[in-house]
Amino acid sequence: MKKHIYILLILLFSISFTCCNDHKSNNAKSKKDYPSINYLYSPDYAKYYLFNNFQNNEKCIKYLFDFIKNHPGKIEVLTDKDTFEFDDNVLSKIDTTKQRFTFSRRLNDNLENTYIRVNFLKAEKIIFQKHKENNQTFLSSDFETLTVNTVQNFLDYAEKDESKKETENYIYILYNKDNQEKMKLKYHDKGSWFEVEIL
């Protein structure tokens, strides 16, 4: 009888030890895969941040734009800390093969974007279906979720389009192939600044 109890205790201990290790392993993996943005460097003209665990998907893009809402001024978000090199506080080298994001936002308000460059890599052209109505342009294309390329094409279209300069406020809305709203740009003061929403 004592022998059976002893074996049972050993089995229970082994099972609980295995479960505990699996739980720790899963926590470590999820923490490693979770996106985060950390401060990197601040020369006089911009602040540099590092986007850890960046992946080209909607989750990371939304995380990036949510982060930027609380950081006015000129911001560079890098996906590799070796993208830029500085010599005496002056930029001396840029690695153009690395993904990076540039934001320029007015210092007085965290919504006022004046410039965004989302992709420094080669863009693949997207054909949009367009519909204009009541100071709004509705754009749709054959994609499921946001990627860097989709966002850049949407920003490029809005930047080049003159409609936003014809009225005080103008809105661009991006839809995916399932007719779901994915992104919105609200231009103000005849196109001088804009707000971004990732939906």
Protein backbone atom coordinates (compact mmCIF):
# COMPACT_ATOMS: atom_id res chain seq x y z
CA MET A 1 0.00 0.00 0.00
CA LYS A 2 2.80 2.39 0.95
CA LYS A 3 4.54 1.53 -2.29
CA HIS A 4 1.43 2.51 -4.31
CA ILE A 5 1.10 5.81 -2.47
CA TYR A 6 4.79 6.51 -3.07
CA ILE A 7 4.41 5.83 -6.84
CA LEU A 8 1.28 7.97 -6.97
CA LEU A 9 3.07 10.88 -5.29
CA ILE A 10 5.96 10.61 -7.75
CA LEU A 11 3.52 10.66 -10.69
CA LEU A 12 1.66 13.70 -9.32
CA PHE A 13 4.91 15.55 -8.76
CA SER A 14 6.10 14.75 -12.31
CA ILE A 15 2.82 15.95 -13.84
CA SER A 16 2.80 19.21 -11.85
CA PHE A 17 6.47 19.86 -12.72
CA THR A 18 5.76 19.32 -16.45
CA CYS A 19 2.71 21.61 -16.36
CA CYS A 20 4.68 24.30 -14.55
CA ASN A 21 7.50 24.18 -17.13
CA ASP A 22 5.03 24.30 -20.02
CA HIS A 23 3.33 27.35 -18.46
CA LYS A 24 6.71 29.13 -18.03
CA SER A 25 7.70 28.26 -21.59
CA ASN A 26 4.41 29.59 -23.00
CA ASN A 27 4.72 32.82 -20.98
CA ALA A 28 8.29 33.35 -22.19
CA LYS A 29 7.27 32.71 -25.79
CA SER A 30 4.27 35.07 -25.69
CA LYS A 31 6.38 37.82 -24.06
CA LYS A 32 9.05 37.37 -26.73
CA ASP A 33 6.47 37.60 -29.54
CA TYR A 34 4.62 40.59 -28.07
CA PRO A 35 5.40 43.88 -29.83
CA SER A 36 6.99 46.70 -27.83
CA ILE A 37 8.57 50.05 -28.66
CA ASN A 38 11.48 51.35 -26.60
CA TYR A 39 13.35 54.66 -26.55
CA LEU A 40 16.69 54.49 -28.37
CA TYR A 41 18.30 57.89 -29.00
CA SER A 42 17.53 61.63 -29.18
CA PRO A 43 19.68 63.93 -31.31
CA ASP A 44 18.45 67.54 -31.63
CA TYR A 45 16.10 67.02 -34.59
CA ALA A 46 14.24 63.75 -33.79
CA LYS A 47 13.60 60.99 -31.27
CA TYR A 48 14.49 57.42 -32.21
CA TYR A 49 12.67 54.34 -30.96
CA LEU A 50 13.17 50.62 -31.55
CA PHE A 51 10.17 48.45 -32.44
CA ASN A 52 10.92 45.05 -30.90
CA ASN A 53 9.37 41.94 -32.48
CA PHE A 54 7.96 43.90 -35.42
CA GLN A 55 5.96 41.81 -37.87
CA ASN A 56 4.25 43.07 -40.99
CA ASN A 57 0.70 42.55 -39.73
CA GLU A 58 -2.33 44.48 -38.52
CA LYS A 59 -1.57 43.92 -34.82
CA CYS A 60 1.87 45.55 -35.07
CA ILE A 61 0.63 48.38 -37.29
CA LYS A 62 -2.14 49.22 -34.82
CA TYR A 63 0.34 49.04 -31.93
CA LEU A 64 2.65 51.47 -33.77
CA PHE A 65 -0.07 54.05 -34.45
CA ASP A 66 -1.39 53.78 -30.89
CA PHE A 67 2.13 54.40 -29.57
CA ILE A 68 2.62 57.45 -31.80
CA LYS A 69 -0.55 59.13 -30.46
CA ASN A 70 1.35 59.93 -27.27
CA HIS A 71 4.61 61.08 -28.87
CA PRO A 72 4.55 64.47 -30.67
CA GLY A 73 7.44 65.92 -32.68
CA LYS A 74 9.59 64.13 -35.24
CA ILE A 75 9.77 60.42 -34.44
CA GLU A 76 11.73 57.66 -36.17
CA VAL A 77 10.67 54.11 -35.28
CA LEU A 78 13.24 51.53 -36.35
CA THR A 79 12.82 47.77 -36.60
CA ASP A 80 16.57 47.22 -36.30
CA LYS A 81 18.77 49.27 -33.95
CA ASP A 82 21.60 49.29 -36.52
CA THR A 83 19.52 51.11 -39.17
CA PHE A 84 21.18 54.45 -38.33
CA GLU A 85 24.66 55.36 -37.17
CA PHE A 86 25.53 58.69 -35.56
CA ASP A 87 28.83 60.53 -35.33
CA ASP A 88 28.88 63.40 -32.78
CA ASN A 89 25.09 63.64 -32.75
CA VAL A 90 24.96 63.82 -36.57
CA LEU A 91 23.45 61.08 -38.71
CA SER A 92 26.33 59.48 -40.62
CA LYS A 93 24.82 56.29 -42.10
CA ILE A 94 21.37 54.91 -43.01
CA ASP A 95 20.77 51.26 -43.87
CA THR A 96 18.00 51.49 -46.47
CA THR A 97 17.35 47.74 -46.42
CA LYS A 98 15.75 47.98 -42.95
CA GLN A 99 12.09 48.78 -42.31
CA ARG A 100 11.48 52.11 -40.56
CA PHE A 101 8.66 54.55 -39.89
CA THR A 102 8.87 58.35 -39.78
CA PHE A 103 6.26 60.55 -38.13
CA SER A 104 6.15 64.33 -37.92
CA ARG A 105 3.55 65.68 -35.53
CA ARG A 106 2.89 69.16 -34.18
CA LEU A 107 4.18 69.56 -30.65
CA ASN A 108 1.03 71.26 -29.34
CA ASP A 109 -1.43 68.45 -30.08
CA ASN A 110 -0.98 64.70 -30.19
CA LEU A 111 -3.43 64.24 -33.09
CA GLU A 112 -1.91 66.65 -35.60
CA ASN A 113 0.15 64.61 -38.05
CA THR A 114 1.83 66.67 -40.76
CA TYR A 115 3.87 63.86 -42.31
CA ILE A 116 4.10 60.06 -42.13
CA ARG A 117 6.37 57.77 -44.10
CA VAL A 118 5.51 54.19 -43.31
CA ASN A 119 7.77 52.22 -45.58
CA PHE A 120 11.33 52.88 -46.67
CA LEU A 121 11.39 49.62 -48.61
CA LYS A 122 10.06 49.05 -52.11
CA ALA A 123 6.31 49.59 -52.34
CA GLU A 124 4.05 47.34 -54.39
CA LYS A 125 1.37 49.34 -56.16
CA ILE A 126 -2.22 48.71 -55.10
CA ILE A 127 -5.18 49.53 -57.34
CA PHE A 128 -7.98 51.16 -55.37
CA GLN A 129 -11.65 51.30 -56.25
CA LYS A 130 -12.64 54.93 -55.50
CA HIS A 131 -15.88 56.63 -54.62
CA LYS A 132 -16.16 60.32 -53.61
CA GLU A 133 -19.09 61.78 -51.73
CA ASN A 134 -19.70 64.66 -49.25
CA ASN A 135 -16.05 65.60 -48.58
CA GLN A 136 -15.05 61.96 -48.29
CA THR A 137 -13.17 59.51 -50.49
CA PHE A 138 -13.89 55.83 -49.98
CA LEU A 139 -11.12 53.51 -51.17
CA SER A 140 -11.29 49.73 -51.34
CA SER A 141 -8.98 47.03 -52.57
CA ASP A 142 -8.55 43.26 -52.64
CA PHE A 143 -6.77 42.73 -49.29
CA GLU A 144 -7.83 41.08 -46.03
CA THR A 145 -5.77 42.77 -43.30
CA LEU A 146 -3.45 45.75 -43.14
CA THR A 147 0.19 45.41 -44.08
CA VAL A 148 2.89 48.07 -44.34
CA ASN A 149 2.45 48.12 -48.11
CA THR A 150 -1.32 48.67 -47.86
CA VAL A 151 -0.88 51.50 -45.37
CA GLN A 152 1.80 53.18 -47.47
CA ASN A 153 -0.33 53.02 -50.62
CA PHE A 154 -3.28 54.53 -48.74
CA LEU A 155 -1.12 57.35 -47.29
CA ASP A 156 0.45 58.00 -50.71
CA TYR A 157 -2.95 58.24 -52.38
CA ALA A 158 -4.24 60.73 -49.78
CA GLU A 159 -1.04 62.80 -49.94
CA LYS A 160 -1.23 63.19 -53.74
CA ASP A 161 -4.99 63.73 -53.92
CA GLU A 162 -5.98 67.42 -54.19
CA SER A 163 -9.54 66.94 -52.89
CA LYS A 164 -8.43 67.56 -49.29
CA LYS A 165 -7.29 71.10 -50.22
CA GLU A 166 -10.70 72.15 -51.52
CA THR A 167 -12.46 72.16 -48.14
CA GLU A 168 -11.65 72.71 -44.45
CA ASN A 169 -12.13 69.05 -43.49
CA TYR A 170 -11.82 65.97 -45.68
CA ILE A 171 -11.87 62.24 -44.86
CA TYR A 172 -10.28 59.23 -46.61
CA ILE A 173 -11.54 55.78 -45.58
CA LEU A 174 -9.90 52.47 -46.54
CA TYR A 175 -11.96 49.26 -46.87
CA ASN A 176 -10.75 45.71 -47.36
CA LYS A 177 -12.22 43.13 -49.75
CA ASP A 178 -14.92 42.23 -47.19
CA ASN A 179 -16.02 45.87 -47.05
CA GLN A 180 -14.64 46.35 -43.51
CA GLU A 181 -13.24 49.76 -42.55
CA LYS A 182 -9.53 49.34 -41.85
CA MET A 183 -8.05 52.83 -41.76
CA LYS A 184 -9.20 56.44 -41.76
CA LEU A 185 -7.42 59.75 -42.41
CA LYS A 186 -9.16 62.95 -41.33
CA TYR A 187 -7.59 66.02 -42.95
CA HIS A 188 -8.08 69.51 -41.48
CA ASP A 189 -7.30 73.12 -42.45
CA LYS A 190 -7.42 72.32 -46.16
CA GLY A 191 -4.97 69.45 -45.88
CA SER A 192 -2.37 71.04 -43.59
CA TRP A 193 -2.61 68.29 -40.94
CA PHE A 194 -4.44 65.02 -40.37
CA GLU A 195 -5.51 62.44 -37.81
CA VAL A 196 -5.03 58.70 -38.31
CA GLU A 197 -7.30 55.91 -37.11
CA ILE A 198 -6.52 52.19 -37.46
CA LEU A 199 -9.89 50.44 -37.09
